[in-house]
Amino acid sequence: LVDIRDRPYSELTGAAAALDLERVHGGAAGG
């Protein structure tokens, strides 16, 4: 998520922050 100098990869961390997994979780048929 960060490089060897501790700088975040903003593209990836921004994508993670934008997810709403509580809404998504289990939303498709499974099991």
All heavy atoms as atom14 arrays in JSON, in Angstrom:
{
  "sequence": "LVDIRDRPYSELTGAAAALDLERVHGGAAGG",
  "atom14_mask": [
    [1, 1, 1, 1, 1, 1, 1, 1, 0, 0, 0, 0, 0, 0],
    [1, 1, 1, 1, 1, 1, 1, 0, 0, 0, 0, 0, 0, 0],
    [1, 1, 1, 1, 1, 1, 1, 1, 0, 0, 0, 0, 0, 0],
    [1, 1, 1, 1, 1, 1, 1, 1, 0, 0, 0, 0, 0, 0],
    [1, 1, 1, 1, 1, 1, 1, 1, 1, 1, 1, 0, 0, 0],
    [1, 1, 1, 1, 1, 1, 1, 1, 0, 0, 0, 0, 0, 0],
    [1, 1, 1, 1, 1, 1, 1, 1, 1, 1, 1, 0, 0, 0],
    [1, 1, 1, 1, 1, 1, 1, 0, 0, 0, 0, 0, 0, 0],
    [1, 1, 1, 1, 1, 1, 1, 1, 1, 1, 1, 1, 0, 0],
    [1, 1, 1, 1, 1, 1, 0, 0, 0, 0, 0, 0, 0, 0],
    [1, 1, 1, 1, 1, 1, 1, 1, 1, 0, 0, 0, 0, 0],
    [1, 1, 1, 1, 1, 1, 1, 1, 0, 0, 0, 0, 0, 0],
    [1, 1, 1, 1, 1, 1, 1, 0, 0, 0, 0, 0, 0, 0],
    [1, 1, 1, 1, 0, 0, 0, 0, 0, 0, 0, 0, 0, 0],
    [1, 1, 1, 1, 1, 0, 0, 0, 0, 0, 0, 0, 0, 0],
    [1, 1, 1, 1, 1, 0, 0, 0, 0, 0, 0, 0, 0, 0],
    [1, 1, 1, 1, 1, 0, 0, 0, 0, 0, 0, 0, 0, 0],
    [1, 1, 1, 1, 1, 0, 0, 0, 0, 0, 0, 0, 0, 0],
    [1, 1, 1, 1, 1, 1, 1, 1, 0, 0, 0, 0, 0, 0],
    [1, 1, 1, 1, 1, 1, 1, 1, 0, 0, 0, 0, 0, 0],
    [1, 1, 1, 1, 1, 1, 1, 1, 0, 0, 0, 0, 0, 0],
    [1, 1, 1, 1, 1, 1, 1, 1, 1, 0, 0, 0, 0, 0],
    [1, 1, 1, 1, 1, 1, 1, 1, 1, 1, 1, 0, 0, 0],
    [1, 1, 1, 1, 1, 1, 1, 0, 0, 0, 0, 0, 0, 0],
    [1, 1, 1, 1, 1, 1, 1, 1, 1, 1, 0, 0, 0, 0],
    [1, 1, 1, 1, 0, 0, 0, 0, 0, 0, 0, 0, 0, 0],
    [1, 1, 1, 1, 0, 0, 0, 0, 0, 0, 0, 0, 0, 0],
    [1, 1, 1, 1, 1, 0, 0, 0, 0, 0, 0, 0, 0, 0],
    [1, 1, 1, 1, 1, 0, 0, 0, 0, 0, 0, 0, 0, 0],
    [1, 1, 1, 1, 0, 0, 0, 0, 0, 0, 0, 0, 0, 0],
    [1, 1, 1, 1, 0, 0, 0, 0, 0, 0, 0, 0, 0, 0]
  ],
  "atom14_positions": [
    [[0.84, -1.19, 0.0], [0.0, 0.0, 0.0], [0.88, 1.24, 0.0], [0.45, 2.32, -0.43], [-0.9, 0.01, 1.24], [-1.85, -1.18, 1.42], [-2.6, -1.07, 2.74], [-2.82, -1.27, 0.26], [0.0, 0.0, 0.0], [0.0, 0.0, 0.0], [0.0, 0.0, 0.0], [0.0, 0.0, 0.0], [0.0, 0.0, 0.0], [0.0, 0.0, 0.0]],
    [[2.11, 1.08, 0.52], [3.1, 2.17, 0.51], [4.38, 1.63, -0.1], [4.63, 0.43, -0.14], [3.37, 2.7, 1.94], [2.08, 3.17, 2.6], [4.06, 1.65, 2.81], [0.0, 0.0, 0.0], [0.0, 0.0, 0.0], [0.0, 0.0, 0.0], [0.0, 0.0, 0.0], [0.0, 0.0, 0.0], [0.0, 0.0, 0.0], [0.0, 0.0, 0.0]],
    [[5.21, 2.53, -0.6], [6.49, 2.12, -1.18], [7.54, 1.98, -0.08], [7.24, 2.15, 1.11], [6.92, 3.08, -2.29], [7.18, 4.51, -1.79], [7.45, 4.7, -0.58], [7.14, 5.43, -2.62], [0.0, 0.0, 0.0], [0.0, 0.0, 0.0], [0.0, 0.0, 0.0], [0.0, 0.0, 0.0], [0.0, 0.0, 0.0], [0.0, 0.0, 0.0]],
    [[8.76, 1.68, -0.45], [9.78, 1.44, 0.57], [10.18, 2.72, 1.29], [10.88, 2.65, 2.31], [11.03, 0.76, -0.04], [11.65, 1.62, -1.14], [10.69, -0.63, -0.56], [13.0, 1.09, -1.64], [0.0, 0.0, 0.0], [0.0, 0.0, 0.0], [0.0, 0.0, 0.0], [0.0, 0.0, 0.0], [0.0, 0.0, 0.0], [0.0, 0.0, 0.0]],
    [[9.73, 3.85, 0.82], [9.98, 5.13, 1.5], [8.75, 5.63, 2.27], [8.68, 6.78, 2.65], [10.47, 6.18, 0.5], [11.83, 5.84, -0.1], [12.23, 6.8, -1.2], [13.51, 6.43, -1.79], [13.68, 5.48, -2.7], [12.62, 4.8, -3.15], [14.88, 5.2, -3.17], [0.0, 0.0, 0.0], [0.0, 0.0, 0.0], [0.0, 0.0, 0.0]],
    [[7.78, 4.73, 2.42], [6.58, 4.99, 3.23], [5.58, 5.92, 2.54], [4.67, 6.45, 3.18], [6.97, 5.57, 4.61], [5.83, 5.49, 5.6], [5.33, 4.36, 5.84], [5.41, 6.54, 6.14], [0.0, 0.0, 0.0], [0.0, 0.0, 0.0], [0.0, 0.0, 0.0], [0.0, 0.0, 0.0], [0.0, 0.0, 0.0], [0.0, 0.0, 0.0]],
    [[5.7, 6.12, 1.24], [4.75, 6.98, 0.52], [3.61, 6.13, -0.01], [3.85, 5.15, -0.74], [5.45, 7.7, -0.63], [6.56, 8.63, -0.18], [7.37, 9.14, -1.36], [8.04, 8.04, -2.06], [8.88, 8.22, -3.1], [9.13, 9.44, -3.55], [9.45, 7.18, -3.67], [0.0, 0.0, 0.0], [0.0, 0.0, 0.0], [0.0, 0.0, 0.0]],
    [[2.36, 6.48, 0.33], [1.21, 5.68, -0.12], [1.05, 5.71, -1.64], [1.34, 6.73, -2.29], [0.02, 6.36, 0.56], [0.6, 7.09, 1.73], [1.95, 7.55, 1.27], [0.0, 0.0, 0.0], [0.0, 0.0, 0.0], [0.0, 0.0, 0.0], [0.0, 0.0, 0.0], [0.0, 0.0, 0.0], [0.0, 0.0, 0.0], [0.0, 0.0, 0.0]],
    [[0.6, 4.59, -2.18], [0.15, 4.55, -3.57], [-1.3, 5.04, -3.57], [-2.23, 4.29, -3.29], [0.25, 3.13, -4.13], [1.67, 2.69, -4.38], [2.31, 1.79, -3.52], [2.39, 3.19, -5.47], [3.62, 1.38, -3.76], [3.7, 2.79, -5.71], [4.32, 1.89, -4.85], [5.62, 1.49, -5.09], [0.0, 0.0, 0.0], [0.0, 0.0, 0.0]],
    [[-1.48, 6.31, -3.85], [-2.78, 6.96, -3.66], [-3.87, 6.35, -4.54], [-5.05, 6.37, -4.18], [-2.66, 8.46, -3.93], [-2.18, 8.71, -5.24], [0.0, 0.0, 0.0], [0.0, 0.0, 0.0], [0.0, 0.0, 0.0], [0.0, 0.0, 0.0], [0.0, 0.0, 0.0], [0.0, 0.0, 0.0], [0.0, 0.0, 0.0], [0.0, 0.0, 0.0]],
    [[-3.49, 5.82, -5.71], [-4.5, 5.2, -6.57], [-5.14, 4.01, -5.85], [-6.37, 3.85, -5.83], [-3.86, 4.73, -7.88], [-3.23, 5.83, -8.71], [-1.77, 6.09, -8.36], [-1.3, 5.57, -7.31], [-1.1, 6.8, -9.13], [0.0, 0.0, 0.0], [0.0, 0.0, 0.0], [0.0, 0.0, 0.0], [0.0, 0.0, 0.0], [0.0, 0.0, 0.0]],
    [[-4.31, 3.17, -5.26], [-4.8, 1.97, -4.59], [-5.48, 2.3, -3.27], [-6.58, 1.81, -2.98], [-3.64, 1.0, -4.35], [-3.97, -0.32, -3.66], [-5.1, -1.05, -4.35], [-2.72, -1.21, -3.6], [0.0, 0.0, 0.0], [0.0, 0.0, 0.0], [0.0, 0.0, 0.0], [0.0, 0.0, 0.0], [0.0, 0.0, 0.0], [0.0, 0.0, 0.0]],
    [[-4.86, 3.14, -2.46], [-5.46, 3.47, -1.16], [-6.75, 4.27, -1.34], [-7.69, 4.12, -0.56], [-4.46, 4.25, -0.28], [-4.04, 5.45, -0.96], [-3.24, 3.39, 0.03], [0.0, 0.0, 0.0], [0.0, 0.0, 0.0], [0.0, 0.0, 0.0], [0.0, 0.0, 0.0], [0.0, 0.0, 0.0], [0.0, 0.0, 0.0], [0.0, 0.0, 0.0]],
    [[-6.8, 5.1, -2.39], [-8.04, 5.83, -2.67], [-9.14, 4.89, -3.1], [-10.31, 5.06, -2.7], [0.0, 0.0, 0.0], [0.0, 0.0, 0.0], [0.0, 0.0, 0.0], [0.0, 0.0, 0.0], [0.0, 0.0, 0.0], [0.0, 0.0, 0.0], [0.0, 0.0, 0.0], [0.0, 0.0, 0.0], [0.0, 0.0, 0.0], [0.0, 0.0, 0.0]],
    [[-8.79, 3.87, -3.9], [-9.79, 2.88, -4.32], [-10.3, 2.11, -3.11], [-11.5, 1.81, -3.01], [-9.17, 1.93, -5.34], [0.0, 0.0, 0.0], [0.0, 0.0, 0.0], [0.0, 0.0, 0.0], [0.0, 0.0, 0.0], [0.0, 0.0, 0.0], [0.0, 0.0, 0.0], [0.0, 0.0, 0.0], [0.0, 0.0, 0.0], [0.0, 0.0, 0.0]],
    [[-9.42, 1.78, -2.18], [-9.85, 1.06, -0.98], [-10.79, 1.91, -0.14], [-11.82, 1.44, 0.36], [-8.62, 0.65, -0.16], [0.0, 0.0, 0.0], [0.0, 0.0, 0.0], [0.0, 0.0, 0.0], [0.0, 0.0, 0.0], [0.0, 0.0, 0.0], [0.0, 0.0, 0.0], [0.0, 0.0, 0.0], [0.0, 0.0, 0.0], [0.0, 0.0, 0.0]],
    [[-10.45, 3.18, 0.02], [-11.28, 4.08, 0.83], [-12.67, 4.27, 0.23], [-13.64, 4.54, 0.95], [-10.58, 5.42, 0.98], [0.0, 0.0, 0.0], [0.0, 0.0, 0.0], [0.0, 0.0, 0.0], [0.0, 0.0, 0.0], [0.0, 0.0, 0.0], [0.0, 0.0, 0.0], [0.0, 0.0, 0.0], [0.0, 0.0, 0.0], [0.0, 0.0, 0.0]],
    [[-12.78, 4.13, -1.09], [-14.06, 4.36, -1.77], [-15.0, 3.17, -1.7], [-16.18, 3.28, -2.04], [-13.8, 4.74, -3.23], [0.0, 0.0, 0.0], [0.0, 0.0, 0.0], [0.0, 0.0, 0.0], [0.0, 0.0, 0.0], [0.0, 0.0, 0.0], [0.0, 0.0, 0.0], [0.0, 0.0, 0.0], [0.0, 0.0, 0.0], [0.0, 0.0, 0.0]],
    [[-14.51, 2.0, -1.27], [-15.36, 0.81, -1.23], [-16.39, 0.9, -0.12], [-16.13, 1.47, 0.94], [-14.5, -0.44, -1.02], [-13.49, -0.78, -2.12], [-12.66, -1.99, -1.7], [-14.2, -1.05, -3.44], [0.0, 0.0, 0.0], [0.0, 0.0, 0.0], [0.0, 0.0, 0.0], [0.0, 0.0, 0.0], [0.0, 0.0, 0.0], [0.0, 0.0, 0.0]],
    [[-17.55, 0.33, -0.36], [-18.6, 0.23, 0.66], [-18.93, -1.25, 0.83], [-19.94, -1.75, 0.34], [-19.84, 1.02, 0.23], [-20.92, 1.03, 1.32], [-20.71, 0.43, 2.39], [-22.0, 1.62, 1.08], [0.0, 0.0, 0.0], [0.0, 0.0, 0.0], [0.0, 0.0, 0.0], [0.0, 0.0, 0.0], [0.0, 0.0, 0.0], [0.0, 0.0, 0.0]],
    [[-18.06, -1.96, 1.53], [-18.17, -3.41, 1.59], [-19.32, -3.88, 2.46], [-19.83, -4.99, 2.27], [-16.85, -4.01, 2.07], [-15.65, -3.78, 1.15], [-14.43, -4.52, 1.67], [-15.96, -4.21, -0.28], [0.0, 0.0, 0.0], [0.0, 0.0, 0.0], [0.0, 0.0, 0.0], [0.0, 0.0, 0.0], [0.0, 0.0, 0.0], [0.0, 0.0, 0.0]],
    [[-19.75, -3.08, 3.43], [-20.91, -3.48, 4.24], [-22.15, -3.59, 3.38], [-22.99, -4.48, 3.56], [-21.13, -2.48, 5.38], [-20.1, -2.6, 6.49], [-20.51, -1.8, 7.71], [-21.69, -1.39, 7.8], [-19.65, -1.58, 8.58], [0.0, 0.0, 0.0], [0.0, 0.0, 0.0], [0.0, 0.0, 0.0], [0.0, 0.0, 0.0], [0.0, 0.0, 0.0]],
    [[-22.27, -2.7, 2.4], [-23.4, -2.76, 1.49], [-23.26, -3.91, 0.51], [-24.22, -4.59, 0.16], [-23.52, -1.43, 0.72], [-24.66, -1.4, -0.29], [-24.65, -0.1, -1.06], [-23.41, 0.09, -1.79], [-23.14, -0.48, -2.96], [-24.01, -1.28, -3.54], [-21.99, -0.26, -3.57], [0.0, 0.0, 0.0], [0.0, 0.0, 0.0], [0.0, 0.0, 0.0]],
    [[-22.02, -4.15, 0.06], [-21.77, -5.15, -0.96], [-21.84, -6.57, -0.41], [-22.32, -7.49, -1.07], [-20.37, -4.92, -1.59], [-19.97, -6.09, -2.46], [-20.38, -3.63, -2.4], [0.0, 0.0, 0.0], [0.0, 0.0, 0.0], [0.0, 0.0, 0.0], [0.0, 0.0, 0.0], [0.0, 0.0, 0.0], [0.0, 0.0, 0.0], [0.0, 0.0, 0.0]],
    [[-21.37, -6.78, 0.83], [-21.13, -8.13, 1.34], [-22.38, -9.0, 1.29], [-23.43, -8.65, 1.81], [-20.62, -8.06, 2.78], [-20.25, -9.41, 3.34], [-19.63, -10.38, 2.61], [-20.44, -9.95, 4.57], [-19.43, -11.45, 3.35], [-19.92, -11.21, 4.53], [0.0, 0.0, 0.0], [0.0, 0.0, 0.0], [0.0, 0.0, 0.0], [0.0, 0.0, 0.0]],
    [[-22.23, -10.16, 0.64], [-23.34, -11.1, 0.54], [-24.43, -10.66, -0.41], [-25.51, -11.26, -0.44], [0.0, 0.0, 0.0], [0.0, 0.0, 0.0], [0.0, 0.0, 0.0], [0.0, 0.0, 0.0], [0.0, 0.0, 0.0], [0.0, 0.0, 0.0], [0.0, 0.0, 0.0], [0.0, 0.0, 0.0], [0.0, 0.0, 0.0], [0.0, 0.0, 0.0]],
    [[-24.15, -9.65, -1.25], [-25.18, -9.13, -2.13], [-25.5, -10.02, -3.31], [-26.52, -9.83, -3.97], [0.0, 0.0, 0.0], [0.0, 0.0, 0.0], [0.0, 0.0, 0.0], [0.0, 0.0, 0.0], [0.0, 0.0, 0.0], [0.0, 0.0, 0.0], [0.0, 0.0, 0.0], [0.0, 0.0, 0.0], [0.0, 0.0, 0.0], [0.0, 0.0, 0.0]],
    [[-24.64, -10.98, -3.6], [-24.9, -11.92, -4.7], [-25.18, -13.28, -4.12], [-24.81, -13.59, -3.0], [-23.7, -11.97, -5.64], [0.0, 0.0, 0.0], [0.0, 0.0, 0.0], [0.0, 0.0, 0.0], [0.0, 0.0, 0.0], [0.0, 0.0, 0.0], [0.0, 0.0, 0.0], [0.0, 0.0, 0.0], [0.0, 0.0, 0.0], [0.0, 0.0, 0.0]],
    [[-25.87, -14.09, -4.9], [-26.16, -15.45, -4.44], [-24.86, -16.18, -4.19], [-23.93, -16.09, -4.97], [-26.99, -16.19, -5.48], [0.0, 0.0, 0.0], [0.0, 0.0, 0.0], [0.0, 0.0, 0.0], [0.0, 0.0, 0.0], [0.0, 0.0, 0.0], [0.0, 0.0, 0.0], [0.0, 0.0, 0.0], [0.0, 0.0, 0.0], [0.0, 0.0, 0.0]],
    [[-24.77, -16.9, -3.11], [-23.56, -17.63, -2.8], [-23.88, -18.83, -1.96], [-25.01, -19.03, -1.52], [0.0, 0.0, 0.0], [0.0, 0.0, 0.0], [0.0, 0.0, 0.0], [0.0, 0.0, 0.0], [0.0, 0.0, 0.0], [0.0, 0.0, 0.0], [0.0, 0.0, 0.0], [0.0, 0.0, 0.0], [0.0, 0.0, 0.0], [0.0, 0.0, 0.0]],
    [[-22.85, -19.62, -1.69], [-23.02, -20.76, -0.8], [-23.54, -21.97, -1.54], [-22.79, -22.83, -1.93], [0.0, 0.0, 0.0], [0.0, 0.0, 0.0], [0.0, 0.0, 0.0], [0.0, 0.0, 0.0], [0.0, 0.0, 0.0], [0.0, 0.0, 0.0], [0.0, 0.0, 0.0], [0.0, 0.0, 0.0], [0.0, 0.0, 0.0], [0.0, 0.0, 0.0]]
  ]
}
